[in-house]
C-alpha atoms as a PDB file:
ATOM      1  CA  MET A   1     -20.073 -75.357  39.556  1.00  0.00           C
ATOM      2  CA  ASN A   2     -20.458 -72.188  37.537  1.00  0.00           C
ATOM      3  CA  MET A   3     -16.825 -71.158  38.129  1.00  0.00           C
ATOM      4  CA  ASN A   4     -15.578 -74.620  37.182  1.00  0.00           C
ATOM      5  CA  ILE A   5     -17.417 -74.432  33.854  1.00  0.00           C
ATOM      6  CA  LYS A   6     -15.966 -71.009  33.112  1.00  0.00           C
ATOM      7  CA  LYS A   7     -12.433 -72.187  33.928  1.00  0.00           C
ATOM      8  CA  LEU A   8     -12.890 -75.226  31.742  1.00  0.00           C
ATOM      9  CA  PHE A   9     -13.966 -73.139  28.747  1.00  0.00           C
ATOM     10  CA  LEU A  10     -11.146 -70.641  29.328  1.00  0.00           C
ATOM     11  CA  LEU A  11      -8.493 -73.374  29.418  1.00  0.00           C
ATOM     12  CA  ALA A  12      -9.950 -74.997  26.300  1.00  0.00           C
ATOM     13  CA  ALA A  13      -9.848 -71.684  24.397  1.00  0.00           C
ATOM     14  CA  ILE A  14      -6.248 -70.962  25.414  1.00  0.00           C
ATOM     15  CA  SER A  15      -5.151 -74.475  24.417  1.00  0.00           C
ATOM     16  CA  LEU A  16      -6.836 -74.137  21.018  1.00  0.00           C
ATOM     17  CA  VAL A  17      -5.075 -70.831  20.318  1.00  0.00           C
ATOM     18  CA  LEU A  18      -1.682 -72.207  21.319  1.00  0.00           C
ATOM     19  CA  VAL A  19      -2.055 -75.334  19.198  1.00  0.00           C
ATOM     20  CA  SER A  20      -3.304 -73.493  16.103  1.00  0.00           C
ATOM     21  CA  CYS A  21      -0.741 -70.709  16.176  1.00  0.00           C
ATOM     22  CA  GLY A  22       2.362 -72.360  17.556  1.00  0.00           C
ATOM     23  CA  THR A  23       5.345 -73.192  15.366  1.00  0.00           C
ATOM     24  CA  SER A  24       9.024 -73.843  15.910  1.00  0.00           C
ATOM     25  CA  GLY A  25      11.646 -71.667  14.265  1.00  0.00           C
ATOM     26  CA  LYS A  26      13.457 -74.757  13.021  1.00  0.00           C
ATOM     27  CA  GLU A  27      10.732 -75.406  10.467  1.00  0.00           C
ATOM     28  CA  VAL A  28      11.524 -72.229   8.467  1.00  0.00           C
ATOM     29  CA  VAL A  29      15.344 -72.413   8.431  1.00  0.00           C
ATOM     30  CA  TYR A  30      17.000 -73.495   5.170  1.00  0.00           C
ATOM     31  CA  VAL A  31      20.056 -75.794   4.769  1.00  0.00           C
ATOM     32  CA  GLN A  32      20.372 -76.438   8.483  1.00  0.00           C
ATOM     33  CA  ASN A  33      23.258 -78.914   8.124  1.00  0.00           C
ATOM     34  CA  ILE A  34      25.244 -77.023   5.490  1.00  0.00           C
ATOM     35  CA  ASP A  35      28.502 -77.364   7.480  1.00  0.00           C
ATOM     36  CA  GLN A  36      28.210 -81.158   7.333  1.00  0.00           C
ATOM     37  CA  LEU A  37      27.966 -81.307   3.539  1.00  0.00           C
ATOM     38  CA  PRO A  38      31.289 -82.088   1.788  1.00  0.00           C
ATOM     39  CA  PRO A  39      32.359 -79.237  -0.536  1.00  0.00           C
ATOM     40  CA  GLU A  40      33.092 -81.686  -3.358  1.00  0.00           C
ATOM     41  CA  ALA A  41      29.442 -82.815  -3.321  1.00  0.00           C
ATOM     42  CA  ILE A  42      28.234 -79.283  -4.080  1.00  0.00           C
ATOM     43  CA  ALA A  43      30.976 -78.753  -6.683  1.00  0.00           C
ATOM     44  CA  ALA A  44      29.956 -81.929  -8.544  1.00  0.00           C
ATOM     45  CA  ALA A  45      26.348 -80.740  -8.786  1.00  0.00           C
ATOM     46  CA  THR A  46      27.127 -77.207  -9.998  1.00  0.00           C
ATOM     47  CA  THR A  47      29.377 -78.383 -12.858  1.00  0.00           C
ATOM     48  CA  GLN A  48      26.310 -79.857 -14.583  1.00  0.00           C
ATOM     49  CA  ALA A  49      24.341 -76.612 -14.595  1.00  0.00           C
ATOM     50  CA  GLY A  50      23.191 -75.201 -17.915  1.00  0.00           C
ATOM     51  CA  ASP A  51      23.496 -78.410 -19.977  1.00  0.00           C
ATOM     52  CA  PHE A  52      19.768 -78.925 -20.541  1.00  0.00           C
ATOM     53  CA  THR A  53      18.289 -81.888 -22.416  1.00  0.00           C
ATOM     54  CA  ILE A  54      16.423 -81.134 -25.655  1.00  0.00           C
ATOM     55  CA  ARG A  55      12.784 -82.216 -25.881  1.00  0.00           C
ATOM     56  CA  PRO A  56       9.940 -81.822 -28.391  1.00  0.00           C
ATOM     57  CA  GLY A  57       8.394 -78.363 -28.166  1.00  0.00           C
ATOM     58  CA  ASP A  58      11.655 -76.616 -27.280  1.00  0.00           C
ATOM     59  CA  MET A  59      12.494 -73.409 -29.116  1.00  0.00           C
ATOM     60  CA  LEU A  60      16.209 -73.170 -29.868  1.00  0.00           C
ATOM     61  CA  GLN A  61      18.435 -70.406 -31.111  1.00  0.00           C
ATOM     62  CA  ILE A  62      21.473 -71.897 -32.875  1.00  0.00           C
ATOM     63  CA  ASN A  63      24.241 -69.666 -34.189  1.00  0.00           C
ATOM     64  CA  VAL A  64      27.211 -70.829 -36.260  1.00  0.00           C
ATOM     65  CA  SER A  65      30.288 -68.615 -36.470  1.00  0.00           C
ATOM     66  CA  SER A  66      33.729 -69.026 -38.016  1.00  0.00           C
ATOM     67  CA  THR A  67      36.862 -67.104 -38.857  1.00  0.00           C
ATOM     68  CA  ASN A  68      35.352 -66.867 -42.348  1.00  0.00           C
ATOM     69  CA  ALA A  69      32.027 -65.134 -41.658  1.00  0.00           C
ATOM     70  CA  ASP A  70      30.823 -65.417 -45.260  1.00  0.00           C
ATOM     71  CA  ALA A  71      31.380 -69.193 -45.296  1.00  0.00           C
ATOM     72  CA  ALA A  72      29.461 -69.661 -42.027  1.00  0.00           C
ATOM     73  CA  ARG A  73      26.521 -67.434 -42.998  1.00  0.00           C
ATOM     74  CA  PRO A  74      24.536 -70.115 -44.940  1.00  0.00           C
ATOM     75  CA  PHE A  75      24.370 -72.246 -41.772  1.00  0.00           C
ATOM     76  CA  ASN A  76      22.471 -69.557 -39.864  1.00  0.00           C
ATOM     77  CA  LYS A  77      18.724 -69.305 -40.124  1.00  0.00           C
ATOM     78  CA  ILE A  78      18.149 -65.550 -40.170  1.00  0.00           C
ATOM     79  CA  GLN A  79      15.672 -63.022 -41.417  1.00  0.00           C
ATOM     80  CA  TYR A  80      15.854 -59.301 -42.050  1.00  0.00           C
ATOM     81  CA  VAL A  81      13.747 -57.026 -39.889  1.00  0.00           C
ATOM     82  CA  PRO A  82      12.837 -53.914 -41.925  1.00  0.00           C
ATOM     83  CA  ARG A  83      13.899 -50.554 -40.542  1.00  0.00           C
ATOM     84  CA  ILE A  84      12.069 -47.281 -41.021  1.00  0.00           C
ATOM     85  CA  GLY A  85      14.220 -44.985 -43.126  1.00  0.00           C
ATOM     86  CA  GLU A  86      14.668 -41.235 -42.791  1.00  0.00           C
ATOM     87  CA  SER A  87      11.957 -40.617 -45.369  1.00  0.00           C
ATOM     88  CA  GLY A  88       9.479 -42.726 -43.412  1.00  0.00           C
ATOM     89  CA  GLY A  89       9.602 -45.753 -45.727  1.00  0.00           C
ATOM     90  CA  PHE A  90      10.856 -49.231 -44.849  1.00  0.00           C
ATOM     91  CA  ASN A  91      14.431 -50.211 -45.547  1.00  0.00           C
ATOM     92  CA  THR A  92      14.410 -53.821 -46.740  1.00  0.00           C
ATOM     93  CA  LEU A  93      18.064 -54.202 -45.808  1.00  0.00           C
ATOM     94  CA  GLY A  94      17.350 -53.869 -42.130  1.00  0.00           C
ATOM     95  CA  ASP A  95      18.759 -55.587 -39.065  1.00  0.00           C
ATOM     96  CA  MET A  96      19.357 -59.335 -39.071  1.00  0.00           C
ATOM     97  CA  SER A  97      17.326 -61.358 -36.571  1.00  0.00           C
ATOM     98  CA  SER A  98      17.783 -65.034 -35.719  1.00  0.00           C
ATOM     99  CA  VAL A  99      14.892 -67.387 -36.354  1.00  0.00           C
ATOM    100  CA  PHE A 100      14.189 -69.959 -33.696  1.00  0.00           C
ATOM    101  CA  TYR A 101      14.137 -73.689 -34.375  1.00  0.00           C
ATOM    102  CA  LEU A 102      11.045 -75.428 -33.032  1.00  0.00           C
ATOM    103  CA  VAL A 103      11.764 -79.053 -32.106  1.00  0.00           C
ATOM    104  CA  ASP A 104       8.885 -81.015 -33.632  1.00  0.00           C
ATOM    105  CA  ASP A 105       6.998 -83.941 -32.082  1.00  0.00           C
ATOM    106  CA  ASP A 106       9.496 -86.332 -33.654  1.00  0.00           C
ATOM    107  CA  GLY A 107      12.338 -84.485 -31.944  1.00  0.00           C
ATOM    108  CA  SER A 108      13.817 -83.023 -35.118  1.00  0.00           C
ATOM    109  CA  ILE A 109      14.666 -79.623 -36.607  1.00  0.00           C
ATOM    110  CA  ASP A 110      15.220 -78.521 -40.208  1.00  0.00           C
ATOM    111  CA  PHE A 111      18.724 -77.053 -40.336  1.00  0.00           C
ATOM    112  CA  PRO A 112      20.081 -75.008 -43.271  1.00  0.00           C
ATOM    113  CA  ILE A 113      22.324 -76.985 -45.653  1.00  0.00           C
ATOM    114  CA  LEU A 114      22.414 -79.999 -43.283  1.00  0.00           C
ATOM    115  CA  GLY A 115      18.710 -80.815 -43.603  1.00  0.00           C
ATOM    116  CA  LYS A 116      16.599 -82.581 -40.987  1.00  0.00           C
ATOM    117  CA  LEU A 117      18.443 -83.356 -37.756  1.00  0.00           C
ATOM    118  CA  HIS A 118      17.044 -85.651 -35.066  1.00  0.00           C
ATOM    119  CA  ILE A 119      18.180 -84.025 -31.818  1.00  0.00           C
ATOM    120  CA  LYS A 120      15.696 -85.261 -29.210  1.00  0.00           C
ATOM    121  CA  GLY A 121      17.490 -86.356 -26.031  1.00  0.00           C
ATOM    122  CA  MET A 122      20.700 -84.504 -26.827  1.00  0.00           C
ATOM    123  CA  THR A 123      22.104 -82.069 -24.334  1.00  0.00           C
ATOM    124  CA  LYS A 124      22.995 -78.503 -25.259  1.00  0.00           C
ATOM    125  CA  ASN A 125      26.723 -79.307 -25.326  1.00  0.00           C
ATOM    126  CA  SER A 126      26.349 -82.518 -27.325  1.00  0.00           C
ATOM    127  CA  LEU A 127      24.164 -80.739 -29.922  1.00  0.00           C
ATOM    128  CA  GLU A 128      26.781 -78.025 -30.404  1.00  0.00           C
ATOM    129  CA  GLU A 129      29.482 -80.650 -30.955  1.00  0.00           C
ATOM    130  CA  TYR A 130      27.209 -82.654 -33.277  1.00  0.00           C
ATOM    131  CA  ILE A 131      26.444 -79.718 -35.584  1.00  0.00           C
ATOM    132  CA  ALA A 132      30.086 -78.657 -35.657  1.00  0.00           C
ATOM    133  CA  SER A 133      31.085 -82.203 -36.692  1.00  0.00           C
ATOM    134  CA  LEU A 134      28.599 -82.138 -39.591  1.00  0.00           C
ATOM    135  CA  ILE A 135      29.948 -78.836 -40.891  1.00  0.00           C
ATOM    136  CA  TYR A 136      33.687 -79.406 -40.429  1.00  0.00           C
ATOM    137  CA  PRO A 137      35.607 -80.422 -42.447  1.00  0.00           C
ATOM    138  CA  ARG A 138      33.001 -81.133 -45.126  1.00  0.00           C
ATOM    139  CA  TYR A 139      31.914 -77.533 -45.656  1.00  0.00           C
ATOM    140  CA  LEU A 140      34.446 -75.381 -43.788  1.00  0.00           C
ATOM    141  CA  ILE A 141      38.213 -75.622 -43.561  1.00  0.00           C
ATOM    142  CA  ASP A 142      38.151 -74.346 -39.958  1.00  0.00           C
ATOM    143  CA  LYS A 143      36.091 -75.870 -37.157  1.00  0.00           C
ATOM    144  CA  PRO A 144      33.148 -73.521 -36.498  1.00  0.00           C
ATOM    145  CA  ASN A 145      31.899 -72.311 -33.166  1.00  0.00           C
ATOM    146  CA  VAL A 146      28.304 -73.435 -32.541  1.00  0.00           C
ATOM    147  CA  GLU A 147      26.246 -71.813 -29.799  1.00  0.00           C
ATOM    148  CA  CYS A 148      22.830 -73.128 -28.761  1.00  0.00           C
ATOM    149  CA  ARG A 149      20.361 -71.380 -26.452  1.00  0.00           C
ATOM    150  CA  ILE A 150      16.885 -72.413 -25.386  1.00  0.00           C
ATOM    151  CA  GLN A 151      14.273 -69.675 -25.631  1.00  0.00           C
ATOM    152  CA  ASN A 152      11.372 -71.228 -23.717  1.00  0.00           C
ATOM    153  CA  PHE A 153      13.083 -72.401 -20.537  1.00  0.00           C
ATOM    154  CA  ARG A 154      10.251 -71.939 -18.039  1.00  0.00           C
ATOM    155  CA  VAL A 155       9.563 -73.145 -14.513  1.00  0.00           C
ATOM    156  CA  PHE A 156       6.102 -72.964 -12.944  1.00  0.00           C
ATOM    157  CA  CYS A 157       5.944 -72.047  -9.233  1.00  0.00           C
ATOM    158  CA  LEU A 158       2.643 -72.770  -7.481  1.00  0.00           C
ATOM    159  CA  GLY A 159       1.388 -72.730  -3.914  1.00  0.00           C
ATOM    160  CA  ASP A 160       2.851 -70.928  -0.916  1.00  0.00           C
ATOM    161  CA  PHE A 161       5.487 -68.802  -2.659  1.00  0.00           C
ATOM    162  CA  GLY A 162       5.689 -65.089  -1.989  1.00  0.00           C
ATOM    163  CA  SER A 163       4.993 -64.412  -5.686  1.00  0.00           C
ATOM    164  CA  PRO A 164       3.906 -67.638  -7.429  1.00  0.00           C
ATOM    165  CA  GLY A 165       3.939 -67.647 -11.216  1.00  0.00           C
ATOM    166  CA  VAL A 166       5.990 -68.526 -14.293  1.00  0.00           C
ATOM    167  CA  ILE A 167       9.756 -67.949 -14.223  1.00  0.00           C
ATOM    168  CA  GLN A 168      11.587 -67.497 -17.522  1.00  0.00           C
ATOM    169  CA  ALA A 169      15.302 -68.317 -17.585  1.00  0.00           C
ATOM    170  CA  GLU A 170      16.826 -66.294 -20.398  1.00  0.00           C
ATOM    171  CA  ASN A 171      20.223 -67.997 -20.165  1.00  0.00           C
ATOM    172  CA  GLY A 172      18.801 -71.530 -20.293  1.00  0.00           C
ATOM    173  CA  ARG A 173      19.732 -72.473 -16.748  1.00  0.00           C
ATOM    174  CA  LEU A 174      17.986 -72.263 -13.403  1.00  0.00           C
ATOM    175  CA  ASN A 175      18.537 -73.996 -10.093  1.00  0.00           C
ATOM    176  CA  LEU A 176      16.125 -74.513  -7.236  1.00  0.00           C
ATOM    177  CA  VAL A 177      17.527 -71.717  -5.049  1.00  0.00           C
ATOM    178  CA  GLU A 178      17.285 -69.217  -7.932  1.00  0.00           C
ATOM    179  CA  ALA A 179      13.696 -70.266  -8.656  1.00  0.00           C
ATOM    180  CA  ILE A 180      12.692 -69.832  -5.002  1.00  0.00           C
ATOM    181  CA  ALA A 181      14.327 -66.399  -4.861  1.00  0.00           C
ATOM    182  CA  ARG A 182      12.675 -65.210  -8.100  1.00  0.00           C
ATOM    183  CA  ALA A 183       9.293 -66.483  -6.879  1.00  0.00           C
ATOM    184  CA  GLY A 184       9.499 -64.243  -3.807  1.00  0.00           C
ATOM    185  CA  ASP A 185      10.789 -66.923  -1.403  1.00  0.00           C
ATOM    186  CA  LEU A 186       8.459 -69.269   0.462  1.00  0.00           C
ATOM    187  CA  SER A 187       5.841 -67.824   2.781  1.00  0.00           C
ATOM    188  CA  PHE A 188       6.143 -68.674   6.469  1.00  0.00           C
ATOM    189  CA  GLN A 189       3.195 -71.030   6.016  1.00  0.00           C
ATOM    190  CA  GLY A 190       4.868 -73.034   3.211  1.00  0.00           C
ATOM    191  CA  GLN A 191       6.301 -76.491   3.853  1.00  0.00           C
ATOM    192  CA  ARG A 192      10.052 -76.285   3.382  1.00  0.00           C
ATOM    193  CA  ASN A 193      10.641 -79.993   3.954  1.00  0.00           C
ATOM    194  CA  ASN A 194       8.185 -81.263   1.336  1.00  0.00           C
ATOM    195  CA  ILE A 195       8.413 -79.233  -1.909  1.00  0.00           C
ATOM    196  CA  LEU A 196       6.858 -81.109  -4.791  1.00  0.00           C
ATOM    197  CA  LEU A 197       8.811 -81.217  -8.082  1.00  0.00           C
ATOM    198  CA  ILE A 198       6.919 -82.490 -11.141  1.00  0.00           C
ATOM    199  CA  ARG A 199       9.149 -83.100 -14.149  1.00  0.00           C
ATOM    200  CA  THR A 200       8.542 -84.427 -17.654  1.00  0.00           C
ATOM    201  CA  ASN A 201      11.390 -86.709 -18.720  1.00  0.00           C
ATOM    202  CA  ASP A 202      12.809 -87.321 -22.197  1.00  0.00           C
ATOM    203  CA  SER A 203      10.170 -89.997 -22.886  1.00  0.00           C
ATOM    204  CA  GLY A 204       7.306 -87.617 -22.114  1.00  0.00           C
ATOM    205  CA  GLN A 205       6.519 -89.292 -18.785  1.00  0.00           C
ATOM    206  CA  ARG A 206       6.006 -87.268 -15.630  1.00  0.00           C
ATOM    207  CA  THR A 207       8.059 -87.987 -12.533  1.00  0.00           C
ATOM    208  CA  VAL A 208       7.421 -86.684  -9.025  1.00  0.00           C
ATOM    209  CA  LYS A 209      10.063 -85.887  -6.413  1.00  0.00           C
ATOM    210  CA  ARG A 210       9.786 -84.359  -2.953  1.00  0.00           C
ATOM    211  CA  ILE A 211      12.561 -82.016  -1.843  1.00  0.00           C
ATOM    212  CA  ASP A 212      13.522 -80.957   1.684  1.00  0.00           C
ATOM    213  CA  ILE A 213      15.335 -77.605   1.520  1.00  0.00           C
ATOM    214  CA  THR A 214      15.891 -77.570   5.281  1.00  0.00           C
ATOM    215  CA  ASP A 215      18.417 -80.339   4.575  1.00  0.00           C
ATOM    216  CA  ALA A 216      21.503 -79.024   2.772  1.00  0.00           C
ATOM    217  CA  ARG A 217      21.901 -82.294   0.871  1.00  0.00           C
ATOM    218  CA  PHE A 218      19.313 -81.096  -1.650  1.00  0.00           C
ATOM    219  CA  MET A 219      22.055 -78.861  -3.109  1.00  0.00           C
ATOM    220  CA  ALA A 220      23.934 -81.986  -4.240  1.00  0.00           C
ATOM    221  CA  SER A 221      20.873 -83.803  -5.608  1.00  0.00           C
ATOM    222  CA  PRO A 222      19.968 -84.214  -9.316  1.00  0.00           C
ATOM    223  CA  GLU A 223      16.883 -82.074  -8.693  1.00  0.00           C
ATOM    224  CA  PHE A 224      18.917 -79.004  -7.694  1.00  0.00           C
ATOM    225  CA  ASN A 225      19.396 -77.969 -11.328  1.00  0.00           C
ATOM    226  CA  LEU A 226      15.943 -77.518 -12.830  1.00  0.00           C
ATOM    227  CA  GLN A 227      14.809 -78.511 -16.307  1.00  0.00           C
ATOM    228  CA  GLN A 228      12.520 -76.650 -18.689  1.00  0.00           C
ATOM    229  CA  ASN A 229       8.811 -76.891 -17.814  1.00  0.00           C
ATOM    230  CA  ASP A 230       9.456 -78.154 -14.275  1.00  0.00           C
ATOM    231  CA  ILE A 231       6.585 -77.556 -11.840  1.00  0.00           C
ATOM    232  CA  LEU A 232       7.295 -76.618  -8.215  1.00  0.00           C
ATOM    233  CA  TYR A 233       4.462 -76.794  -5.708  1.00  0.00           C
ATOM    234  CA  VAL A 234       4.764 -75.686  -2.080  1.00  0.00           C
ATOM    235  CA  GLU A 235       2.087 -77.105   0.202  1.00  0.00           C
ATOM    236  CA  PRO A 236       0.778 -75.124   3.185  1.00  0.00           C
ATOM    237  CA  ASN A 237       2.031 -76.375   6.530  1.00  0.00           C
ATOM    238  CA  LYS A 238      -0.224 -77.850   9.195  1.00  0.00           C
ATOM    239  CA  TYR A 239      -0.665 -74.515  10.959  1.00  0.00           C
ATOM    240  CA  LYS A 240      -2.042 -72.812   7.853  1.00  0.00           C
ATOM    241  CA  LYS A 241      -4.263 -75.806   7.116  1.00  0.00           C
ATOM    242  CA  ARG A 242      -5.603 -75.597  10.653  1.00  0.00           C
ATOM    243  CA  SER A 243      -6.236 -71.849  10.357  1.00  0.00           C
ATOM    244  CA  ILE A 244      -8.414 -72.265   7.254  1.00  0.00           C
ATOM    245  CA  TRP A 245     -10.200 -75.368   8.552  1.00  0.00           C
ATOM    246  CA  SER A 246     -13.909 -74.886   9.150  1.00  0.00           C
ATOM    247  CA  LEU A 247     -16.735 -77.017  10.474  1.00  0.00           C
ATOM    248  CA  PRO A 248     -19.496 -78.273   8.182  1.00  0.00           C
ATOM    249  CA  PRO A 249     -22.773 -76.284   8.458  1.00  0.00           C
ATOM    250  CA  LEU A 250     -24.491 -79.014  10.511  1.00  0.00           C
ATOM    251  CA  TYR A 251     -21.724 -79.028  13.101  1.00  0.00           C
ATOM    252  CA  THR A 252     -21.568 -75.222  13.101  1.00  0.00           C
ATOM    253  CA  ALA A 253     -25.285 -75.093  13.906  1.00  0.00           C
ATOM    254  CA  SER A 254     -24.797 -77.683  16.657  1.00  0.00           C
ATOM    255  CA  VAL A 255     -22.003 -75.629  18.201  1.00  0.00           C
ATOM    256  CA  GLY A 256     -24.241 -72.553  18.116  1.00  0.00           C
ATOM    257  CA  ILE A 257     -27.081 -74.398  19.830  1.00  0.00           C
ATOM    258  CA  PHE A 258     -24.667 -75.754  22.426  1.00  0.00           C
ATOM    259  CA  GLY A 259     -23.341 -72.244  23.116  1.00  0.00           C
ATOM    260  CA  THR A 260     -26.875 -70.893  23.509  1.00  0.00           C
ATOM    261  CA  ALA A 261     -27.752 -73.717  25.882  1.00  0.00           C
ATOM    262  CA  MET A 262     -24.662 -73.001  27.999  1.00  0.00           C
ATOM    263  CA  SER A 263     -25.608 -69.321  28.168  1.00  0.00           C
ATOM    264  CA  VAL A 264     -29.130 -70.208  29.342  1.00  0.00           C
ATOM    265  CA  LEU A 265     -27.701 -72.640  31.906  1.00  0.00           C
ATOM    266  CA  ASN A 266     -25.308 -69.977  33.158  1.00  0.00           C
ATOM    267  CA  PHE A 267     -28.224 -67.489  33.503  1.00  0.00           C
ATOM    268  CA  ILE A 268     -30.284 -70.034  35.449  1.00  0.00           C
ATOM    269  CA  LEU A 269     -27.380 -70.719  37.790  1.00  0.00           C
ATOM    270  CA  LEU A 270     -27.046 -66.995  38.479  1.00  0.00           C
ATOM    271  CA  LEU A 271     -30.767 -66.733  39.315  1.00  0.00           C
ATOM    272  CA  THR A 272     -30.663 -69.671  41.710  1.00  0.00           C
ATOM    273  CA  LYS A 273     -27.883 -68.157  43.798  1.00  0.00           C
END
């Protein structure tokens, strides 16, 4: 009887270890069906990269240039940054520095010469065309070149990343693969088939999507190209959840009492032999 009890406990312990630690390699492999994805599907998704949608709270840098630099200068919001001269004093005619446009709660900016412009919901490309159309041919004889960049394009990476944190995209574009790479990849305990994407749309409402990066089709989805202030959350997989699971104090005490009782019973059985 004593040997049967020992074997039973040994088998139970081995089974618990195998269940809590086991995992299949398939769960950590990305884009498993990449060869089955049509190339045109990926090409269609990548052509939309970088054309972000403007929302209240965005900080924009907008530069207007033309073949006639003097004529285009009044349309640029700039300031002079003083330089320290050779004598130690400040030179008021220092370097020029662009001033950012903060999109207000109404979705507007105050643009030089043109006045207040309502730009909420416009994309980067459509805003550039819109400003150029307001300037030419009314103010300039040549169509100007308008370049818009977003200065606060951020994505928040939380959960089971190698290095979770805030990612800043200086060029105003970021896709999901780039964000994962810059956040130190996913840990082995992170769920690759259930990444949570929380996004605030143009109306200020939050939407929630779940992305499976083990399936290559995510590369052709609208969520592949991220938007400013997106939140990515990687949940721990079932094995990590199981490893950090603990019994409530009452059950822990009961298990301890049960273990003590089994030790006493084992000692009694040895004495009766």
